[in-house]
């Protein structure tokens, strides 16, 4: 489910359809996509809209910054594995500043002083290590992925760097559930755009694959030479 939410952010990128051979399991993937959409339409989206409408902005911001600080720890671990020395130093600075001056991440002081970073995950790390993406896969409850990113997702979710797993529940609400709701609220405007798409499945697939490529190259996409 967490991966499903994060993946919806990809809808802001190119809408061009990828080559057909990247999705050899399209028939099965579409069935899983419809299942995921049913869960989202009947549970996650309504809960997220209620949270957005009724929870004060101040509280929503504190929740968002808190979980963002926890995610920075996972980003730091992957930056180190990718030997991104400069970026990892900046991310470490973010975590230290926000965990102390920012009161355990409730306030994003680091961004205010220009300590910013981009999210990194183990799927990106595997790509940097030279692992091919493999076929496109729609994961139940977790959304769009590839064979490589599915392996990376498993590592991210079970890693000691995933501090959300270490959080205690708040009343009847788990920390993981709050993290999901926080991310889903950010995606509500994109959900509205997706609803207008002629084929949402193709839109998500295209956006996901292109966004992953963008992330792996840190926005510096290689120039593809024209074939003659």
Protein backbone atom coordinates (compact mmCIF):
# COMPACT_ATOMS: atom_id res chain seq x y z
CA UNK A 1 0.00 0.00 0.00
CA UNK A 2 2.82 2.35 0.82
CA UNK A 3 4.31 1.80 -2.64
CA UNK A 4 0.93 2.44 -4.26
CA UNK A 5 0.74 5.88 -2.68
CA UNK A 6 4.24 6.85 -3.57
CA UNK A 7 3.75 5.68 -7.13
CA UNK A 8 0.76 7.94 -7.78
CA UNK A 9 3.14 10.89 -7.58
CA UNK A 10 4.55 9.72 -10.89
CA UNK A 11 1.48 10.91 -12.78
CA UNK A 12 2.96 14.38 -13.19
CA UNK A 13 5.51 13.15 -15.71
CA UNK A 14 5.31 12.07 -19.36
CA UNK A 15 2.16 10.30 -20.49
CA UNK A 16 3.76 8.50 -23.41
CA UNK A 17 3.21 4.74 -23.43
CA UNK A 18 6.35 2.62 -23.00
CA UNK A 19 7.31 -0.14 -25.37
CA UNK A 20 4.97 -3.10 -25.28
CA UNK A 21 7.64 -5.60 -24.20
CA UNK A 22 8.11 -3.88 -20.83
CA UNK A 23 4.69 -5.20 -19.73
CA UNK A 24 4.48 -8.87 -20.70
CA UNK A 25 2.03 -9.53 -17.85
CA UNK A 26 -0.39 -6.74 -18.77
CA UNK A 27 -3.53 -8.88 -18.56
CA UNK A 28 -2.74 -9.99 -15.01
CA UNK A 29 -1.42 -6.55 -14.07
CA UNK A 30 -4.71 -4.94 -15.10
CA UNK A 31 -6.67 -7.32 -12.87
CA UNK A 32 -4.44 -6.45 -9.92
CA UNK A 33 -4.72 -2.76 -10.76
CA UNK A 34 -8.52 -2.93 -10.61
CA UNK A 35 -8.29 -4.71 -7.26
CA UNK A 36 -5.98 -1.99 -5.92
CA UNK A 37 -8.31 0.72 -7.18
CA UNK A 38 -11.27 -0.89 -5.45
CA UNK A 39 -9.41 -0.86 -2.14
CA UNK A 40 -8.29 2.71 -2.65
CA UNK A 41 -11.69 4.00 -3.76
CA UNK A 42 -13.53 2.42 -0.85
CA UNK A 43 -11.04 2.84 1.97
CA UNK A 44 -7.89 4.85 1.53
CA UNK A 45 -9.15 7.80 -0.50
CA UNK A 46 -12.25 8.46 1.67
CA UNK A 47 -10.18 8.26 4.86
CA UNK A 48 -7.54 10.58 3.42
CA UNK A 49 -10.11 13.14 2.29
CA UNK A 50 -11.73 13.10 5.73
CA UNK A 51 -8.32 13.58 7.34
CA UNK A 52 -7.55 16.50 5.02
CA UNK A 53 -10.94 18.15 5.55
CA UNK A 54 -11.19 17.80 9.33
CA UNK A 55 -7.65 17.76 10.70
CA UNK A 56 -6.11 21.23 11.28
CA UNK A 57 -3.35 22.16 8.81
CA UNK A 58 -0.91 22.66 11.67
CA UNK A 59 -1.34 19.05 12.78
CA UNK A 60 -1.14 17.73 9.21
CA UNK A 61 2.13 19.59 8.68
CA UNK A 62 3.63 18.20 11.87
CA UNK A 63 2.69 14.64 10.87
CA UNK A 64 4.08 15.13 7.36
CA UNK A 65 7.38 16.57 8.61
CA UNK A 66 7.74 13.87 11.25
CA UNK A 67 7.41 10.99 8.79
CA UNK A 68 9.49 12.85 6.23
CA UNK A 69 12.31 12.94 8.76
CA UNK A 70 12.03 9.17 9.27
CA UNK A 71 12.11 8.60 5.51
CA UNK A 72 15.28 10.69 5.29
CA UNK A 73 17.04 7.99 7.34
CA UNK A 74 16.22 5.38 4.69
CA UNK A 75 17.33 7.81 1.99
CA UNK A 76 20.62 8.31 3.83
CA UNK A 77 21.25 4.56 3.95
CA UNK A 78 20.70 4.23 0.21
CA UNK A 79 22.83 7.25 -0.62
CA UNK A 80 25.68 5.66 1.31
CA UNK A 81 25.21 2.38 -0.57
CA UNK A 82 25.33 4.36 -3.83
CA UNK A 83 28.53 6.13 -2.71
CA UNK A 84 26.87 9.54 -2.96
CA UNK A 85 29.17 11.13 -0.43
CA UNK A 86 28.10 14.76 -0.80
CA UNK A 87 24.38 13.99 -0.89
CA UNK A 88 24.60 11.66 2.10
CA UNK A 89 26.40 14.36 4.11
CA UNK A 90 23.57 16.80 3.37
CA UNK A 91 20.92 14.22 4.28
CA UNK A 92 22.73 13.42 7.51
CA UNK A 93 22.70 17.12 8.28
CA UNK A 94 18.96 17.22 7.62
CA UNK A 95 18.29 14.35 9.99
CA UNK A 96 20.46 15.83 12.74
CA UNK A 97 18.94 19.33 12.45
CA UNK A 98 15.33 18.19 12.17
CA UNK A 99 15.69 15.58 14.93
CA UNK A 100 17.10 18.16 17.36
CA UNK A 101 16.16 21.74 16.57
CA UNK A 102 13.11 20.49 14.69
CA UNK A 103 11.84 18.55 17.71
CA UNK A 104 12.13 14.97 16.41
CA UNK A 105 11.21 16.08 12.91
CA UNK A 106 7.96 17.86 13.77
CA UNK A 107 9.40 20.98 12.12
CA UNK A 108 11.42 20.94 8.88
CA UNK A 109 14.09 23.40 9.93
CA UNK A 110 16.63 21.82 7.54
CA UNK A 111 14.74 22.91 4.43
CA UNK A 112 14.56 26.46 5.79
CA UNK A 113 18.37 26.55 5.87
CA UNK A 114 18.70 24.95 2.40
CA UNK A 115 19.54 21.42 3.52
CA UNK A 116 17.45 19.56 0.97
CA UNK A 117 17.63 16.05 -0.44
CA UNK A 118 15.88 13.74 -2.89
CA UNK A 119 14.34 10.45 -1.80
CA UNK A 120 16.40 7.34 -2.52
CA UNK A 121 15.28 3.73 -2.23
CA UNK A 122 16.91 0.34 -2.64
CA UNK A 123 15.40 -0.11 -6.10
CA UNK A 124 17.43 2.91 -7.19
CA UNK A 125 20.46 1.48 -5.42
CA UNK A 126 20.13 -1.78 -7.35
CA UNK A 127 19.91 0.22 -10.58
CA UNK A 128 23.09 2.11 -9.71
CA UNK A 129 24.74 -1.28 -9.08
CA UNK A 130 23.80 -2.30 -12.63
CA UNK A 131 20.73 -4.47 -12.05
CA UNK A 132 18.26 -4.34 -14.97
CA UNK A 133 14.70 -3.26 -14.24
CA UNK A 134 13.04 -6.41 -15.54
CA UNK A 135 9.35 -6.50 -16.53
CA UNK A 136 6.72 -4.12 -15.28
CA UNK A 137 4.69 -5.57 -12.41
CA UNK A 138 1.54 -4.38 -10.64
CA UNK A 139 1.83 -5.48 -7.01
CA UNK A 140 -1.30 -6.22 -4.96
CA UNK A 141 -1.94 -3.31 -2.56
CA UNK A 142 1.45 -1.77 -3.36
CA UNK A 143 0.91 -0.67 -6.93
CA UNK A 144 3.24 -0.23 -9.92
CA UNK A 145 6.71 -1.69 -9.80
CA UNK A 146 9.27 -3.69 -11.75
CA UNK A 147 11.02 -6.93 -10.88
CA UNK A 148 14.03 -4.93 -9.63
CA UNK A 149 11.94 -2.42 -7.71
CA UNK A 150 9.91 -5.20 -6.10
CA UNK A 151 13.10 -6.65 -4.63
CA UNK A 152 14.14 -3.16 -3.58
CA UNK A 153 10.78 -2.53 -1.95
CA UNK A 154 11.11 -5.67 0.15
CA UNK A 155 14.52 -4.52 1.39
CA UNK A 156 13.25 -1.02 2.16
CA UNK A 157 10.25 -2.31 4.11
CA UNK A 158 12.26 -4.79 6.17
CA UNK A 159 15.44 -2.76 6.62
CA UNK A 160 16.54 -1.43 10.00
CA UNK A 161 16.68 1.98 8.29
CA UNK A 162 12.87 1.90 7.98
CA UNK A 163 12.21 3.62 11.29
CA UNK A 164 8.45 3.68 10.74
CA UNK A 165 8.50 -0.02 11.65
CA UNK A 166 9.97 0.90 15.03
CA UNK A 167 7.25 3.40 15.91
CA UNK A 168 4.64 2.51 18.50
CA UNK A 169 0.95 2.78 17.64
CA UNK A 170 -0.90 5.94 18.57
CA UNK A 171 -4.13 4.73 20.13
CA UNK A 172 -5.90 2.53 17.60
CA UNK A 173 -3.90 3.93 14.67
CA UNK A 174 -0.60 2.35 13.67
CA UNK A 175 2.37 4.48 12.66
CA UNK A 176 2.39 2.77 9.27
CA UNK A 177 -1.26 3.70 8.71
CA UNK A 178 -0.59 7.34 9.60
CA UNK A 179 2.36 7.37 7.22
CA UNK A 180 0.17 6.03 4.41
CA UNK A 181 -2.60 8.53 5.07
CA UNK A 182 -0.10 11.38 5.14
CA UNK A 183 1.28 10.42 1.72
CA UNK A 184 -2.19 9.76 0.29
CA UNK A 185 -3.37 13.26 1.20
CA UNK A 186 -0.55 14.72 -0.89
CA UNK A 187 -1.79 12.74 -3.88
CA UNK A 188 -5.44 13.75 -3.83
CA UNK A 189 -5.06 16.40 -6.57
CA UNK A 190 -3.26 13.86 -8.76
CA UNK A 191 -6.06 11.38 -8.15
CA UNK A 192 -8.51 13.86 -9.60
CA UNK A 193 -6.38 14.16 -12.74
CA UNK A 194 -6.09 10.40 -13.03
CA UNK A 195 -9.86 10.05 -12.97
CA UNK A 196 -9.97 12.07 -16.21
CA UNK A 197 -7.57 9.75 -18.04
CA UNK A 198 -8.94 7.55 -20.83
CA UNK A 199 -6.85 4.62 -19.60
CA UNK A 200 -5.53 5.17 -16.07
CA UNK A 201 -3.57 1.91 -16.17
CA UNK A 202 -1.48 3.07 -19.15
CA UNK A 203 -1.06 6.51 -17.59
CA UNK A 204 0.29 5.08 -14.35
CA UNK A 205 2.55 2.59 -16.13
CA UNK A 206 4.08 5.20 -18.41
CA UNK A 207 4.57 7.72 -15.63
CA UNK A 208 6.05 5.16 -13.25
CA UNK A 209 8.65 3.86 -15.70
CA UNK A 210 9.74 7.32 -16.80
CA UNK A 211 9.88 8.67 -13.24
CA UNK A 212 12.01 5.74 -12.13
CA UNK A 213 14.44 6.43 -14.95
CA UNK A 214 14.50 10.10 -13.95
CA UNK A 215 15.21 9.17 -10.32
CA UNK A 216 17.97 6.70 -11.14
CA UNK A 217 19.88 9.29 -13.16
CA UNK A 218 19.11 12.06 -10.64
CA UNK A 219 17.40 14.04 -13.39
CA UNK A 220 20.46 13.92 -15.66
CA UNK A 221 19.06 11.59 -18.29
CA UNK A 222 21.59 10.28 -20.83
CA UNK A 223 21.31 11.67 -24.33
CA UNK A 224 20.12 8.94 -26.66
CA UNK A 225 21.85 9.00 -30.01
CA UNK A 226 19.66 8.94 -33.11
CA UNK A 227 19.79 5.75 -35.11
CA UNK A 228 20.34 6.05 -38.85
